[in-house]
C-alpha atoms as a PDB file:
ATOM      1  CA  MET A   1     -13.356 -41.053  -5.898  1.00  0.00           C
ATOM      2  CA  THR A   2      -9.612 -40.829  -6.594  1.00  0.00           C
ATOM      3  CA  GLN A   3      -7.666 -41.696  -9.696  1.00  0.00           C
ATOM      4  CA  GLU A   4      -6.483 -45.041  -8.318  1.00  0.00           C
ATOM      5  CA  HIS A   5     -10.106 -46.113  -7.792  1.00  0.00           C
ATOM      6  CA  ALA A   6     -10.949 -45.737 -11.473  1.00  0.00           C
ATOM      7  CA  THR A   7     -11.545 -49.119 -13.162  1.00  0.00           C
ATOM      8  CA  PRO A   8     -12.548 -50.327 -16.619  1.00  0.00           C
ATOM      9  CA  ASP A   9     -16.054 -50.688 -15.213  1.00  0.00           C
ATOM     10  CA  ALA A  10     -16.055 -47.060 -13.999  1.00  0.00           C
ATOM     11  CA  PRO A  11     -13.835 -45.023 -16.342  1.00  0.00           C
ATOM     12  CA  ARG A  12     -13.381 -41.348 -15.557  1.00  0.00           C
ATOM     13  CA  VAL A  13     -13.231 -38.191 -17.606  1.00  0.00           C
ATOM     14  CA  THR A  14     -11.872 -34.883 -16.281  1.00  0.00           C
ATOM     15  CA  VAL A  15     -12.617 -31.637 -18.100  1.00  0.00           C
ATOM     16  CA  ARG A  16     -12.313 -27.903 -17.663  1.00  0.00           C
ATOM     17  CA  GLY A  17     -15.157 -25.515 -18.373  1.00  0.00           C
ATOM     18  CA  GLU A  18     -15.025 -21.757 -18.809  1.00  0.00           C
ATOM     19  CA  GLY A  19     -17.744 -19.125 -18.729  1.00  0.00           C
ATOM     20  CA  ARG A  20     -17.051 -15.667 -20.128  1.00  0.00           C
ATOM     21  CA  LEU A  21     -19.316 -12.666 -20.603  1.00  0.00           C
ATOM     22  CA  GLU A  22     -19.178  -8.877 -20.807  1.00  0.00           C
ATOM     23  CA  VAL A  23     -21.469  -6.737 -18.682  1.00  0.00           C
ATOM     24  CA  ASP A  24     -21.898  -3.068 -17.842  1.00  0.00           C
ATOM     25  CA  PRO A  25     -20.119  -1.900 -14.663  1.00  0.00           C
ATOM     26  CA  GLU A  26     -22.175  -1.304 -11.536  1.00  0.00           C
ATOM     27  CA  LEU A  27     -19.775   0.944  -9.616  1.00  0.00           C
ATOM     28  CA  ALA A  28     -17.275   3.700 -10.344  1.00  0.00           C
ATOM     29  CA  GLN A  29     -14.653   4.700  -7.781  1.00  0.00           C
ATOM     30  CA  VAL A  30     -12.560   7.863  -7.739  1.00  0.00           C
ATOM     31  CA  TRP A  31      -9.785   8.960  -5.396  1.00  0.00           C
ATOM     32  CA  VAL A  32      -9.614  12.663  -4.567  1.00  0.00           C
ATOM     33  CA  THR A  33      -6.376  14.061  -3.121  1.00  0.00           C
ATOM     34  CA  VAL A  34      -6.411  17.483  -1.457  1.00  0.00           C
ATOM     35  CA  SER A  35      -3.134  19.249  -0.697  1.00  0.00           C
ATOM     36  CA  ALA A  36      -1.973  22.331   1.192  1.00  0.00           C
ATOM     37  CA  ARG A  37       1.402  23.971   1.730  1.00  0.00           C
ATOM     38  CA  GLY A  38       2.562  27.001   3.704  1.00  0.00           C
ATOM     39  CA  ALA A  39       5.083  28.476   6.093  1.00  0.00           C
ATOM     40  CA  ASP A  40       2.736  28.276   9.097  1.00  0.00           C
ATOM     41  CA  ARG A  41       1.529  24.932  10.441  1.00  0.00           C
ATOM     42  CA  ALA A  42      -1.834  26.221  11.679  1.00  0.00           C
ATOM     43  CA  ALA A  43      -2.543  28.050   8.425  1.00  0.00           C
ATOM     44  CA  THR A  44      -1.597  24.994   6.373  1.00  0.00           C
ATOM     45  CA  LEU A  45      -3.890  22.786   8.430  1.00  0.00           C
ATOM     46  CA  ALA A  46      -6.704  25.343   8.095  1.00  0.00           C
ATOM     47  CA  ASP A  47      -6.281  25.389   4.292  1.00  0.00           C
ATOM     48  CA  LEU A  48      -6.293  21.605   4.190  1.00  0.00           C
ATOM     49  CA  THR A  49      -9.437  21.436   6.337  1.00  0.00           C
ATOM     50  CA  ARG A  50     -11.226  24.003   4.194  1.00  0.00           C
ATOM     51  CA  ARG A  51     -10.371  22.262   0.921  1.00  0.00           C
ATOM     52  CA  ASN A  52     -11.311  18.857   2.312  1.00  0.00           C
ATOM     53  CA  THR A  53     -14.679  20.272   3.394  1.00  0.00           C
ATOM     54  CA  GLN A  54     -15.253  21.601  -0.132  1.00  0.00           C
ATOM     55  CA  VAL A  55     -14.650  18.135  -1.552  1.00  0.00           C
ATOM     56  CA  LEU A  56     -16.960  16.442   0.944  1.00  0.00           C
ATOM     57  CA  ASP A  57     -19.708  19.032   0.412  1.00  0.00           C
ATOM     58  CA  LEU A  58     -19.520  18.569  -3.350  1.00  0.00           C
ATOM     59  CA  LEU A  59     -19.706  14.791  -3.040  1.00  0.00           C
ATOM     60  CA  LYS A  60     -22.587  14.851  -0.571  1.00  0.00           C
ATOM     61  CA  ALA A  61     -24.483  17.290  -2.799  1.00  0.00           C
ATOM     62  CA  GLN A  62     -24.807  14.500  -5.405  1.00  0.00           C
ATOM     63  CA  GLY A  63     -27.323  12.673  -3.192  1.00  0.00           C
ATOM     64  CA  THR A  64     -27.808   8.979  -3.883  1.00  0.00           C
ATOM     65  CA  ALA A  65     -25.599   9.129  -6.985  1.00  0.00           C
ATOM     66  CA  VAL A  66     -22.614   8.873  -4.617  1.00  0.00           C
ATOM     67  CA  GLU A  67     -23.138   5.658  -2.678  1.00  0.00           C
ATOM     68  CA  LYS A  68     -20.146   5.870  -0.343  1.00  0.00           C
ATOM     69  CA  VAL A  69     -17.605   8.468   0.787  1.00  0.00           C
ATOM     70  CA  GLU A  70     -14.565   7.376   2.806  1.00  0.00           C
ATOM     71  CA  THR A  71     -11.587   9.335   4.079  1.00  0.00           C
ATOM     72  CA  GLY A  72      -8.290   7.587   3.428  1.00  0.00           C
ATOM     73  CA  SER A  73      -4.878   8.746   4.562  1.00  0.00           C
ATOM     74  CA  LEU A  74      -4.232  12.145   6.199  1.00  0.00           C
ATOM     75  CA  SER A  75      -0.794  13.662   6.645  1.00  0.00           C
ATOM     76  CA  ILE A  76       0.749  16.981   7.612  1.00  0.00           C
ATOM     77  CA  ALA A  77       4.507  17.220   7.897  1.00  0.00           C
ATOM     78  CA  PRO A  78       7.289  19.814   8.013  1.00  0.00           C
ATOM     79  CA  ASP A  79       9.762  20.358   5.179  1.00  0.00           C
ATOM     80  CA  LEU A  80      13.199  21.012   6.627  1.00  0.00           C
ATOM     81  CA  ALA A  81      15.541  23.494   5.001  1.00  0.00           C
ATOM     82  CA  ARG A  82      18.260  21.758   3.001  1.00  0.00           C
ATOM     83  CA  ARG A  83      20.923  24.230   4.074  1.00  0.00           C
ATOM     84  CA  GLY A  84      21.943  25.300   7.528  1.00  0.00           C
ATOM     85  CA  ARG A  85      22.279  23.475  10.788  1.00  0.00           C
ATOM     86  CA  GLY A  86      19.569  22.327  13.114  1.00  0.00           C
ATOM     87  CA  GLU A  87      15.925  21.484  12.489  1.00  0.00           C
ATOM     88  CA  ARG A  88      14.916  24.628  10.672  1.00  0.00           C
ATOM     89  CA  VAL A  89      11.447  24.229   9.152  1.00  0.00           C
ATOM     90  CA  GLN A  90      11.095  25.740   5.711  1.00  0.00           C
ATOM     91  CA  ASN A  91       7.359  25.108   5.311  1.00  0.00           C
ATOM     92  CA  TYR A  92       4.592  22.607   6.044  1.00  0.00           C
ATOM     93  CA  ARG A  93       2.711  20.383   3.643  1.00  0.00           C
ATOM     94  CA  GLY A  94      -0.505  18.489   4.191  1.00  0.00           C
ATOM     95  CA  ARG A  95      -2.530  15.973   2.230  1.00  0.00           C
ATOM     96  CA  VAL A  96      -5.782  14.109   2.669  1.00  0.00           C
ATOM     97  CA  GLN A  97      -7.355  11.472   0.419  1.00  0.00           C
ATOM     98  CA  VAL A  98     -11.045  10.787  -0.063  1.00  0.00           C
ATOM     99  CA  LYS A  99     -12.529   7.800  -1.887  1.00  0.00           C
ATOM    100  CA  ALA A 100     -15.963   8.099  -3.460  1.00  0.00           C
ATOM    101  CA  GLY A 101     -18.090   5.303  -4.926  1.00  0.00           C
ATOM    102  CA  LEU A 102     -20.734   6.194  -7.513  1.00  0.00           C
ATOM    103  CA  THR A 103     -23.623   4.207  -8.895  1.00  0.00           C
ATOM    104  CA  ASP A 104     -25.104   6.911 -11.171  1.00  0.00           C
ATOM    105  CA  PHE A 105     -22.674   7.399 -14.034  1.00  0.00           C
ATOM    106  CA  THR A 106     -24.652  10.255 -15.588  1.00  0.00           C
ATOM    107  CA  VAL A 107     -23.192  12.663 -13.021  1.00  0.00           C
ATOM    108  CA  LEU A 108     -19.667  11.225 -13.065  1.00  0.00           C
ATOM    109  CA  GLY A 109     -18.164  13.356 -15.829  1.00  0.00           C
ATOM    110  CA  GLU A 110     -19.365  16.662 -14.402  1.00  0.00           C
ATOM    111  CA  LEU A 111     -18.472  15.645 -10.845  1.00  0.00           C
ATOM    112  CA  VAL A 112     -14.903  14.672 -11.763  1.00  0.00           C
ATOM    113  CA  ALA A 113     -14.421  17.939 -13.628  1.00  0.00           C
ATOM    114  CA  ARG A 114     -15.738  19.991 -10.714  1.00  0.00           C
ATOM    115  CA  LEU A 115     -13.552  18.116  -8.234  1.00  0.00           C
ATOM    116  CA  ALA A 116     -10.446  18.572 -10.377  1.00  0.00           C
ATOM    117  CA  ASP A 117     -11.258  22.276 -10.674  1.00  0.00           C
ATOM    118  CA  LEU A 118     -11.004  22.791  -6.924  1.00  0.00           C
ATOM    119  CA  GLU A 119      -7.920  24.444  -5.466  1.00  0.00           C
ATOM    120  CA  MET A 120      -4.910  22.126  -4.929  1.00  0.00           C
ATOM    121  CA  THR A 121      -7.022  19.054  -5.723  1.00  0.00           C
ATOM    122  CA  SER A 122      -6.321  16.069  -7.965  1.00  0.00           C
ATOM    123  CA  VAL A 123      -8.556  13.177  -8.981  1.00  0.00           C
ATOM    124  CA  ASP A 124      -7.588   9.609  -9.909  1.00  0.00           C
ATOM    125  CA  GLY A 125     -10.003   7.265 -11.598  1.00  0.00           C
ATOM    126  CA  PRO A 126     -12.540   6.166 -12.400  1.00  0.00           C
ATOM    127  CA  TRP A 127     -12.114   2.521 -11.555  1.00  0.00           C
ATOM    128  CA  TRP A 128     -15.095   0.650 -12.991  1.00  0.00           C
ATOM    129  CA  ALA A 129     -16.225  -2.417 -11.085  1.00  0.00           C
ATOM    130  CA  LEU A 130     -19.010  -4.859 -10.286  1.00  0.00           C
ATOM    131  CA  ARG A 131     -20.517  -5.437  -6.884  1.00  0.00           C
ATOM    132  CA  PRO A 132     -19.156  -8.518  -5.075  1.00  0.00           C
ATOM    133  CA  ASP A 133     -22.631 -10.095  -5.224  1.00  0.00           C
ATOM    134  CA  SER A 134     -23.289  -9.151  -8.848  1.00  0.00           C
ATOM    135  CA  PRO A 135     -25.487 -11.658 -10.732  1.00  0.00           C
ATOM    136  CA  ALA A 136     -22.840 -11.605 -13.473  1.00  0.00           C
ATOM    137  CA  TYR A 137     -20.570 -13.821 -11.391  1.00  0.00           C
ATOM    138  CA  ALA A 138     -23.279 -16.449 -10.902  1.00  0.00           C
ATOM    139  CA  GLU A 139     -24.063 -16.370 -14.625  1.00  0.00           C
ATOM    140  CA  ALA A 140     -20.383 -16.852 -15.512  1.00  0.00           C
ATOM    141  CA  ARG A 141     -20.183 -19.859 -13.190  1.00  0.00           C
ATOM    142  CA  ARG A 142     -23.343 -21.319 -14.715  1.00  0.00           C
ATOM    143  CA  LEU A 143     -21.822 -20.978 -18.194  1.00  0.00           C
ATOM    144  CA  ALA A 144     -18.615 -22.634 -16.993  1.00  0.00           C
ATOM    145  CA  VAL A 145     -20.494 -25.632 -15.575  1.00  0.00           C
ATOM    146  CA  THR A 146     -22.584 -25.934 -18.730  1.00  0.00           C
ATOM    147  CA  GLU A 147     -19.463 -25.996 -20.891  1.00  0.00           C
ATOM    148  CA  ALA A 148     -17.822 -28.602 -18.654  1.00  0.00           C
ATOM    149  CA  VAL A 149     -20.825 -30.917 -18.931  1.00  0.00           C
ATOM    150  CA  GLN A 150     -21.005 -30.457 -22.702  1.00  0.00           C
ATOM    151  CA  ARG A 151     -17.297 -31.145 -23.093  1.00  0.00           C
ATOM    152  CA  ALA A 152     -17.407 -34.276 -20.943  1.00  0.00           C
ATOM    153  CA  ARG A 153     -20.485 -35.494 -22.783  1.00  0.00           C
ATOM    154  CA  ALA A 154     -18.707 -34.980 -26.120  1.00  0.00           C
ATOM    155  CA  TYR A 155     -15.791 -37.149 -24.956  1.00  0.00           C
ATOM    156  CA  ALA A 156     -18.172 -39.847 -23.786  1.00  0.00           C
ATOM    157  CA  GLU A 157     -20.098 -39.800 -27.052  1.00  0.00           C
ATOM    158  CA  ALA A 158     -16.836 -40.069 -28.987  1.00  0.00           C
ATOM    159  CA  LEU A 159     -16.313 -43.364 -27.170  1.00  0.00           C
ATOM    160  CA  GLY A 160     -19.845 -44.493 -27.918  1.00  0.00           C
ATOM    161  CA  THR A 161     -21.007 -44.197 -24.324  1.00  0.00           C
ATOM    162  CA  SER A 162     -22.503 -41.643 -21.926  1.00  0.00           C
ATOM    163  CA  LEU A 163     -21.828 -39.984 -18.588  1.00  0.00           C
ATOM    164  CA  ALA A 164     -22.863 -41.847 -15.461  1.00  0.00           C
ATOM    165  CA  SER A 165     -22.301 -39.551 -12.480  1.00  0.00           C
ATOM    166  CA  LEU A 166     -20.521 -36.429 -11.296  1.00  0.00           C
ATOM    167  CA  LEU A 167     -17.611 -37.067  -8.947  1.00  0.00           C
ATOM    168  CA  GLU A 168     -16.241 -33.590  -8.308  1.00  0.00           C
ATOM    169  CA  LEU A 169     -16.730 -29.974  -9.319  1.00  0.00           C
ATOM    170  CA  SER A 170     -14.240 -27.300  -8.255  1.00  0.00           C
ATOM    171  CA  ASP A 171     -13.077 -23.789  -9.117  1.00  0.00           C
ATOM    172  CA  ALA A 172     -10.029 -23.572 -11.353  1.00  0.00           C
ATOM    173  CA  GLY A 173      -7.469 -20.794 -10.910  1.00  0.00           C
ATOM    174  CA  ALA A 174      -9.229 -19.334  -7.870  1.00  0.00           C
ATOM    175  CA  GLU A 175      -5.926 -18.181  -6.394  1.00  0.00           C
ATOM    176  CA  ASP A 176      -5.647 -15.548  -9.161  1.00  0.00           C
ATOM    177  CA  SER A 177      -9.259 -14.405  -8.936  1.00  0.00           C
ATOM    178  CA  MET A 178     -10.794 -11.364  -7.330  1.00  0.00           C
ATOM    179  CA  THR A 179     -13.183 -13.745  -5.607  1.00  0.00           C
ATOM    180  CA  PRO A 180     -13.169 -17.561  -5.818  1.00  0.00           C
ATOM    181  CA  GLY A 181     -14.096 -18.904  -9.213  1.00  0.00           C
ATOM    182  CA  HIS A 182     -14.327 -15.732 -11.271  1.00  0.00           C
ATOM    183  CA  ARG A 183     -12.377 -12.737 -12.500  1.00  0.00           C
ATOM    184  CA  ALA A 184     -13.372  -9.272 -13.632  1.00  0.00           C
ATOM    185  CA  TYR A 185     -11.182  -6.970 -15.672  1.00  0.00           C
ATOM    186  CA  GLY A 186     -11.367  -3.189 -15.843  1.00  0.00           C
ATOM    187  CA  PRO A 187      -9.525  -0.313 -17.493  1.00  0.00           C
ATOM    188  CA  VAL A 188      -6.420   1.557 -16.455  1.00  0.00           C
ATOM    189  CA  PRO A 189      -7.452   4.643 -14.447  1.00  0.00           C
ATOM    190  CA  VAL A 190      -6.687   8.187 -15.537  1.00  0.00           C
ATOM    191  CA  ALA A 191      -5.794  11.212 -13.429  1.00  0.00           C
ATOM    192  CA  PHE A 192      -7.148  14.755 -13.424  1.00  0.00           C
ATOM    193  CA  ALA A 193      -5.728  17.862 -11.794  1.00  0.00           C
ATOM    194  CA  ALA A 194      -6.997  21.392 -11.346  1.00  0.00           C
ATOM    195  CA  GLU A 195      -5.890  24.075 -13.794  1.00  0.00           C
ATOM    196  CA  GLU A 196      -6.195  27.822 -13.668  1.00  0.00           C
ATOM    197  CA  GLY A 197      -9.140  29.266 -15.557  1.00  0.00           C
ATOM    198  CA  GLY A 198     -12.916  29.301 -15.569  1.00  0.00           C
ATOM    199  CA  ALA A 199     -15.306  26.537 -14.601  1.00  0.00           C
ATOM    200  CA  ALA A 200     -14.251  23.165 -16.004  1.00  0.00           C
ATOM    201  CA  PRO A 201     -16.594  21.608 -18.580  1.00  0.00           C
ATOM    202  CA  GLY A 202     -18.069  18.193 -17.849  1.00  0.00           C
ATOM    203  CA  LEU A 203     -15.997  15.275 -19.092  1.00  0.00           C
ATOM    204  CA  ASP A 204     -17.467  12.600 -21.327  1.00  0.00           C
ATOM    205  CA  LEU A 205     -16.653   9.392 -19.420  1.00  0.00           C
ATOM    206  CA  GLU A 206     -18.069   6.264 -21.016  1.00  0.00           C
ATOM    207  CA  PRO A 207     -18.383   3.260 -18.655  1.00  0.00           C
ATOM    208  CA  GLN A 208     -16.166   0.409 -19.824  1.00  0.00           C
ATOM    209  CA  ARG A 209     -17.793  -2.992 -19.923  1.00  0.00           C
ATOM    210  CA  GLN A 210     -16.411  -5.573 -17.519  1.00  0.00           C
ATOM    211  CA  THR A 211     -15.248  -8.992 -18.679  1.00  0.00           C
ATOM    212  CA  VAL A 212     -16.154 -11.677 -16.151  1.00  0.00           C
ATOM    213  CA  THR A 213     -14.752 -15.197 -16.389  1.00  0.00           C
ATOM    214  CA  ALA A 214     -15.261 -18.348 -14.370  1.00  0.00           C
ATOM    215  CA  GLU A 215     -13.401 -21.633 -14.662  1.00  0.00           C
ATOM    216  CA  VAL A 216     -14.294 -25.012 -13.198  1.00  0.00           C
ATOM    217  CA  VAL A 217     -12.784 -28.488 -13.226  1.00  0.00           C
ATOM    218  CA  ALA A 218     -15.300 -31.330 -13.345  1.00  0.00           C
ATOM    219  CA  ARG A 219     -14.756 -35.071 -12.985  1.00  0.00           C
ATOM    220  CA  PHE A 220     -17.309 -37.614 -14.194  1.00  0.00           C
ATOM    221  CA  THR A 221     -17.639 -41.357 -14.420  1.00  0.00           C
ATOM    222  CA  MET A 222     -18.719 -42.881 -17.702  1.00  0.00           C
ATOM    223  CA  ARG A 223     -20.542 -46.055 -18.516  1.00  0.00           C
ATOM    224  CA  PRO A 224     -18.045 -48.591 -19.843  1.00  0.00           C
ATOM    225  CA  PRO A 225     -17.595 -48.083 -23.582  1.00  0.00           C
ATOM    226  CA  ALA A 226     -17.537 -51.014 -25.998  1.00  0.00           C
ATOM    227  CA  LEU A 227     -14.063 -50.504 -27.462  1.00  0.00           C
END
C-alpha cells in the first residue's frame, strides 16, 4: 500500500524501531606477521620458512582453542642499493602473514605473548567479533520490531484508536551495516612485537563486549479515529 492510497478510512502510521544490546564476543582474531632479511635470497627464504613454521606449530598446538588458521600475503623481494649504477642487490627481505581465529579466550593472552616473543615476529589484534549467525543479531531484530509496534500503538492510542494491520516492515540503514539490519561494534586493535629477553609473560586480555543494534521501519494502518 503506497502513500497515495492512504485515505481517511485507512490512515497510516510509519515508525522506526531500534533494538540494542551488549553481548560477549564469540571470536577473537589476530594477525601474525613474520619477517626475514639477509644478503642471500635462499638464506632469507629459509629463515622466513623456518619462522613461519614456528608460528604455525604454536597455533596448531592450541588444539580446538584456535578455530581457524589462514595464510595471508607472502612476499620476498630484493632491496636495491641506493648508490651505484645497475641493479645491484643490497639484500633481500621477506614477509608472510598468518590470520588466526580463536574461540577460547583463556589461552589468548599467553598465546599472543608467545607469538610476539618469536624472532622477527609481530602480532596485531585482537579483533573481537560475533559469528555471522550469532543469536544476538536475531535478538536485536526482535527488540527492534517490538519497539516499532509499541511506538505505532502509542501513536494510535494518542488518537483514541488502534492499529489495524501491518503494511510493511523493512531494515533501516542496512547499507551501513556489517550484515543487513544490524551492526556490531568492537575495539581498536593493538599491536605486539618481539623484544629481546627471556620468555614473555602472558598478557591479561579482557574480551570487550560487543554492541549490536538493529533498526527497522514499519508501516501500519489504523482504524479511523474519531477526531
